[in-house]
Amino acid sequence: MTTERSKRIAIGARPPANPHAEAWVRQGDTCDLQKGDLYTARLTLDITPAMRARIKVSAFTQCVTVADLLRALLDREFPEKTP
């Protein structure tokens, strides 16, 4: 059996950080995401990928989950009727 020595491969220096990318990543740290009340009904609907993307971007920029954003939208559109 022949024993071969492994060659050391030098790893280059870490590339310089992109300040815009770093700020974008850290932007999520400022969001105060809290889980809402428990919901017991699930609603499924088909939407286009473009609409899904718009919804996700809107939720991200408002620091809320997609579910919370859509719940608020549905609450505004279909308010609970008080007797």
N, C-alpha and C. Protein backbone atom coordinates (compact mmCIF):
# COMPACT_ATOMS: atom_id res chain seq x y z
N MET A 1 0.83 -1.18 0.00
CA MET A 1 0.00 0.00 0.00
C MET A 1 0.87 1.24 0.00
N THR A 2 0.54 2.17 -0.87
CA THR A 2 1.31 3.40 -0.98
C THR A 2 0.60 4.51 -0.23
N THR A 3 1.35 5.24 0.57
CA THR A 3 0.78 6.37 1.28
C THR A 3 1.17 7.65 0.55
N GLU A 4 0.18 8.40 0.11
CA GLU A 4 0.45 9.66 -0.57
C GLU A 4 0.17 10.81 0.38
N ARG A 5 1.05 11.78 0.33
CA ARG A 5 0.83 12.97 1.14
C ARG A 5 -0.10 13.91 0.39
N SER A 6 -1.01 14.47 1.11
CA SER A 6 -1.92 15.42 0.46
C SER A 6 -1.24 16.78 0.34
N LYS A 7 -1.49 17.41 -0.75
CA LYS A 7 -0.91 18.74 -0.99
C LYS A 7 -1.79 19.78 -0.32
N ARG A 8 -1.18 20.78 0.22
CA ARG A 8 -1.92 21.88 0.81
C ARG A 8 -2.32 22.85 -0.29
N ILE A 9 -3.55 23.24 -0.27
CA ILE A 9 -4.04 24.21 -1.23
C ILE A 9 -4.34 25.49 -0.48
N ALA A 10 -3.73 26.56 -0.91
CA ALA A 10 -3.94 27.84 -0.24
C ALA A 10 -5.32 28.38 -0.58
N ILE A 11 -5.99 28.87 0.43
CA ILE A 11 -7.30 29.49 0.25
C ILE A 11 -7.07 30.99 0.19
N GLY A 12 -7.64 31.61 -0.80
CA GLY A 12 -7.45 33.05 -0.99
C GLY A 12 -8.09 33.86 0.12
N ALA A 13 -7.78 35.12 0.12
CA ALA A 13 -8.34 36.04 1.12
C ALA A 13 -9.84 36.21 0.86
N ARG A 14 -10.55 36.52 1.91
CA ARG A 14 -11.99 36.75 1.80
C ARG A 14 -12.23 37.97 0.92
N PRO A 15 -13.17 37.86 -0.01
CA PRO A 15 -13.43 39.03 -0.87
C PRO A 15 -14.01 40.18 -0.04
N PRO A 16 -13.77 41.40 -0.50
CA PRO A 16 -14.29 42.55 0.26
C PRO A 16 -15.82 42.53 0.28
N ALA A 17 -16.36 42.94 1.40
CA ALA A 17 -17.81 42.94 1.58
C ALA A 17 -18.46 44.03 0.75
N ASN A 18 -19.64 43.74 0.25
CA ASN A 18 -20.43 44.72 -0.48
C ASN A 18 -21.34 45.40 0.54
N PRO A 19 -21.14 46.70 0.82
CA PRO A 19 -21.94 47.35 1.86
C PRO A 19 -23.43 47.35 1.57
N HIS A 20 -23.81 47.41 0.30
CA HIS A 20 -25.23 47.40 -0.03
C HIS A 20 -25.84 46.04 0.28
N ALA A 21 -25.11 44.98 -0.04
CA ALA A 21 -25.60 43.64 0.24
C ALA A 21 -25.68 43.40 1.74
N GLU A 22 -24.67 43.83 2.47
CA GLU A 22 -24.66 43.67 3.92
C GLU A 22 -25.84 44.41 4.55
N ALA A 23 -26.13 45.63 4.09
CA ALA A 23 -27.24 46.41 4.64
C ALA A 23 -28.56 45.72 4.34
N TRP A 24 -28.68 45.16 3.14
CA TRP A 24 -29.92 44.47 2.77
C TRP A 24 -30.15 43.25 3.65
N VAL A 25 -29.08 42.49 3.91
CA VAL A 25 -29.21 41.31 4.75
C VAL A 25 -29.58 41.70 6.17
N ARG A 26 -28.93 42.73 6.69
CA ARG A 26 -29.18 43.15 8.08
C ARG A 26 -30.52 43.84 8.25
N GLN A 27 -31.11 44.30 7.16
CA GLN A 27 -32.40 44.98 7.20
C GLN A 27 -33.46 44.09 7.85
N GLY A 28 -33.38 42.79 7.64
CA GLY A 28 -34.33 41.87 8.23
C GLY A 28 -34.24 41.81 9.74
N ASP A 29 -33.07 42.19 10.31
CA ASP A 29 -32.90 42.15 11.76
C ASP A 29 -33.77 43.18 12.46
N THR A 30 -34.20 44.23 11.77
CA THR A 30 -34.97 45.29 12.40
C THR A 30 -36.46 44.97 12.45
N CYS A 31 -36.87 43.96 11.74
CA CYS A 31 -38.29 43.61 11.71
C CYS A 31 -38.68 42.96 13.02
N ASP A 32 -39.83 43.33 13.50
CA ASP A 32 -40.34 42.75 14.74
C ASP A 32 -41.44 41.76 14.36
N LEU A 33 -41.05 40.56 14.00
CA LEU A 33 -42.02 39.56 13.58
C LEU A 33 -42.52 38.80 14.79
N GLN A 34 -43.81 38.86 14.99
CA GLN A 34 -44.43 38.13 16.09
C GLN A 34 -45.54 37.26 15.53
N LYS A 35 -45.70 36.10 16.12
CA LYS A 35 -46.74 35.20 15.66
C LYS A 35 -48.08 35.70 16.16
N GLY A 36 -49.04 35.77 15.26
CA GLY A 36 -50.37 36.24 15.61
C GLY A 36 -51.18 35.18 16.34
N ASP A 37 -52.45 35.45 16.44
CA ASP A 37 -53.34 34.49 17.07
C ASP A 37 -53.37 33.20 16.27
N LEU A 38 -53.82 32.14 16.91
CA LEU A 38 -53.94 30.87 16.20
C LEU A 38 -55.13 30.91 15.27
N TYR A 39 -54.92 30.45 14.05
CA TYR A 39 -55.98 30.38 13.06
C TYR A 39 -56.26 28.93 12.79
N THR A 40 -57.53 28.58 12.69
CA THR A 40 -57.88 27.18 12.55
C THR A 40 -58.37 26.81 11.16
N ALA A 41 -58.57 27.76 10.28
CA ALA A 41 -59.05 27.46 8.93
C ALA A 41 -57.95 27.80 7.93
N ARG A 42 -57.81 26.97 6.93
CA ARG A 42 -56.81 27.20 5.89
C ARG A 42 -57.51 27.51 4.58
N LEU A 43 -57.00 28.49 3.87
CA LEU A 43 -57.56 28.91 2.60
C LEU A 43 -56.49 28.76 1.54
N THR A 44 -56.82 28.09 0.46
CA THR A 44 -55.87 27.90 -0.64
C THR A 44 -56.43 28.55 -1.89
N LEU A 45 -55.61 29.32 -2.57
CA LEU A 45 -56.04 29.91 -3.82
C LEU A 45 -54.87 29.93 -4.79
N ASP A 46 -55.19 29.89 -6.07
CA ASP A 46 -54.18 29.90 -7.11
C ASP A 46 -53.94 31.33 -7.57
N ILE A 47 -52.68 31.73 -7.57
CA ILE A 47 -52.30 33.05 -8.06
C ILE A 47 -51.12 32.89 -9.01
N THR A 48 -50.85 33.92 -9.77
CA THR A 48 -49.73 33.86 -10.70
C THR A 48 -48.41 34.00 -9.92
N PRO A 49 -47.34 33.49 -10.47
CA PRO A 49 -46.04 33.68 -9.81
C PRO A 49 -45.68 35.16 -9.65
N ALA A 50 -46.09 35.99 -10.59
CA ALA A 50 -45.80 37.42 -10.49
C ALA A 50 -46.53 38.05 -9.31
N MET A 51 -47.80 37.68 -9.12
CA MET A 51 -48.55 38.21 -7.98
C MET A 51 -47.95 37.72 -6.67
N ARG A 52 -47.57 36.46 -6.63
CA ARG A 52 -46.95 35.88 -5.43
C ARG A 52 -45.68 36.67 -5.08
N ALA A 53 -44.90 36.99 -6.10
CA ALA A 53 -43.68 37.76 -5.87
C ALA A 53 -43.99 39.14 -5.33
N ARG A 54 -45.00 39.80 -5.88
CA ARG A 54 -45.38 41.14 -5.39
C ARG A 54 -45.84 41.09 -3.95
N ILE A 55 -46.60 40.07 -3.61
CA ILE A 55 -47.08 39.92 -2.23
C ILE A 55 -45.92 39.70 -1.28
N LYS A 56 -44.99 38.83 -1.67
CA LYS A 56 -43.84 38.54 -0.80
C LYS A 56 -42.97 39.78 -0.60
N VAL A 57 -42.73 40.54 -1.66
CA VAL A 57 -41.93 41.76 -1.53
C VAL A 57 -42.63 42.76 -0.64
N SER A 58 -43.94 42.91 -0.81
CA SER A 58 -44.70 43.84 0.02
C SER A 58 -44.64 43.43 1.49
N ALA A 59 -44.80 42.16 1.77
CA ALA A 59 -44.74 41.68 3.15
C ALA A 59 -43.35 41.93 3.74
N PHE A 60 -42.31 41.64 2.97
CA PHE A 60 -40.95 41.84 3.46
C PHE A 60 -40.67 43.30 3.77
N THR A 61 -41.09 44.20 2.89
CA THR A 61 -40.82 45.62 3.10
C THR A 61 -41.61 46.18 4.28
N GLN A 62 -42.73 45.52 4.63
CA GLN A 62 -43.53 45.96 5.78
C GLN A 62 -43.15 45.21 7.06
N CYS A 63 -42.16 44.33 6.97
CA CYS A 63 -41.70 43.55 8.12
C CYS A 63 -42.81 42.70 8.73
N VAL A 64 -43.61 42.09 7.88
CA VAL A 64 -44.65 41.18 8.34
C VAL A 64 -44.57 39.90 7.51
N THR A 65 -45.20 38.87 8.00
CA THR A 65 -45.26 37.64 7.23
C THR A 65 -46.32 37.79 6.15
N VAL A 66 -46.21 36.96 5.12
CA VAL A 66 -47.21 36.97 4.05
C VAL A 66 -48.58 36.66 4.64
N ALA A 67 -48.65 35.69 5.54
CA ALA A 67 -49.92 35.32 6.15
C ALA A 67 -50.54 36.51 6.90
N ASP A 68 -49.73 37.21 7.69
CA ASP A 68 -50.25 38.36 8.43
C ASP A 68 -50.71 39.48 7.50
N LEU A 69 -49.95 39.71 6.44
CA LEU A 69 -50.33 40.73 5.46
C LEU A 69 -51.67 40.39 4.83
N LEU A 70 -51.84 39.15 4.41
CA LEU A 70 -53.10 38.75 3.76
C LEU A 70 -54.26 38.73 4.75
N ARG A 71 -54.01 38.34 6.00
CA ARG A 71 -55.09 38.38 7.01
C ARG A 71 -55.58 39.81 7.21
N ALA A 72 -54.64 40.76 7.29
CA ALA A 72 -55.04 42.16 7.47
C ALA A 72 -55.83 42.66 6.26
N LEU A 73 -55.39 42.28 5.08
CA LEU A 73 -56.10 42.68 3.86
C LEU A 73 -57.53 42.12 3.85
N LEU A 74 -57.66 40.86 4.21
CA LEU A 74 -58.99 40.24 4.24
C LEU A 74 -59.86 40.84 5.35
N ASP A 75 -59.25 41.18 6.49
CA ASP A 75 -60.01 41.82 7.57
C ASP A 75 -60.54 43.19 7.12
N ARG A 76 -59.75 43.94 6.37
CA ARG A 76 -60.20 45.24 5.88
C ARG A 76 -61.33 45.08 4.85
N GLU A 77 -61.18 44.10 3.99
CA GLU A 77 -62.17 43.90 2.93
C GLU A 77 -63.47 43.26 3.43
N PHE A 78 -63.33 42.39 4.42
CA PHE A 78 -64.50 41.68 4.96
C PHE A 78 -64.54 41.85 6.48
N PRO A 79 -64.91 43.04 6.93
CA PRO A 79 -64.94 43.28 8.38
C PRO A 79 -66.02 42.45 9.06
N GLU A 80 -65.74 42.14 10.32
CA GLU A 80 -66.71 41.38 11.11
C GLU A 80 -67.90 42.29 11.40
N LYS A 81 -69.07 41.81 11.11
CA LYS A 81 -70.29 42.61 11.35
C LYS A 81 -70.65 42.53 12.83
N THR A 82 -70.90 43.70 13.42
CA THR A 82 -71.31 43.72 14.83
C THR A 82 -72.82 43.88 14.89
N PRO A 83 -73.49 43.09 15.74
CA PRO A 83 -74.96 43.15 15.81
C PRO A 83 -75.49 44.43 16.38
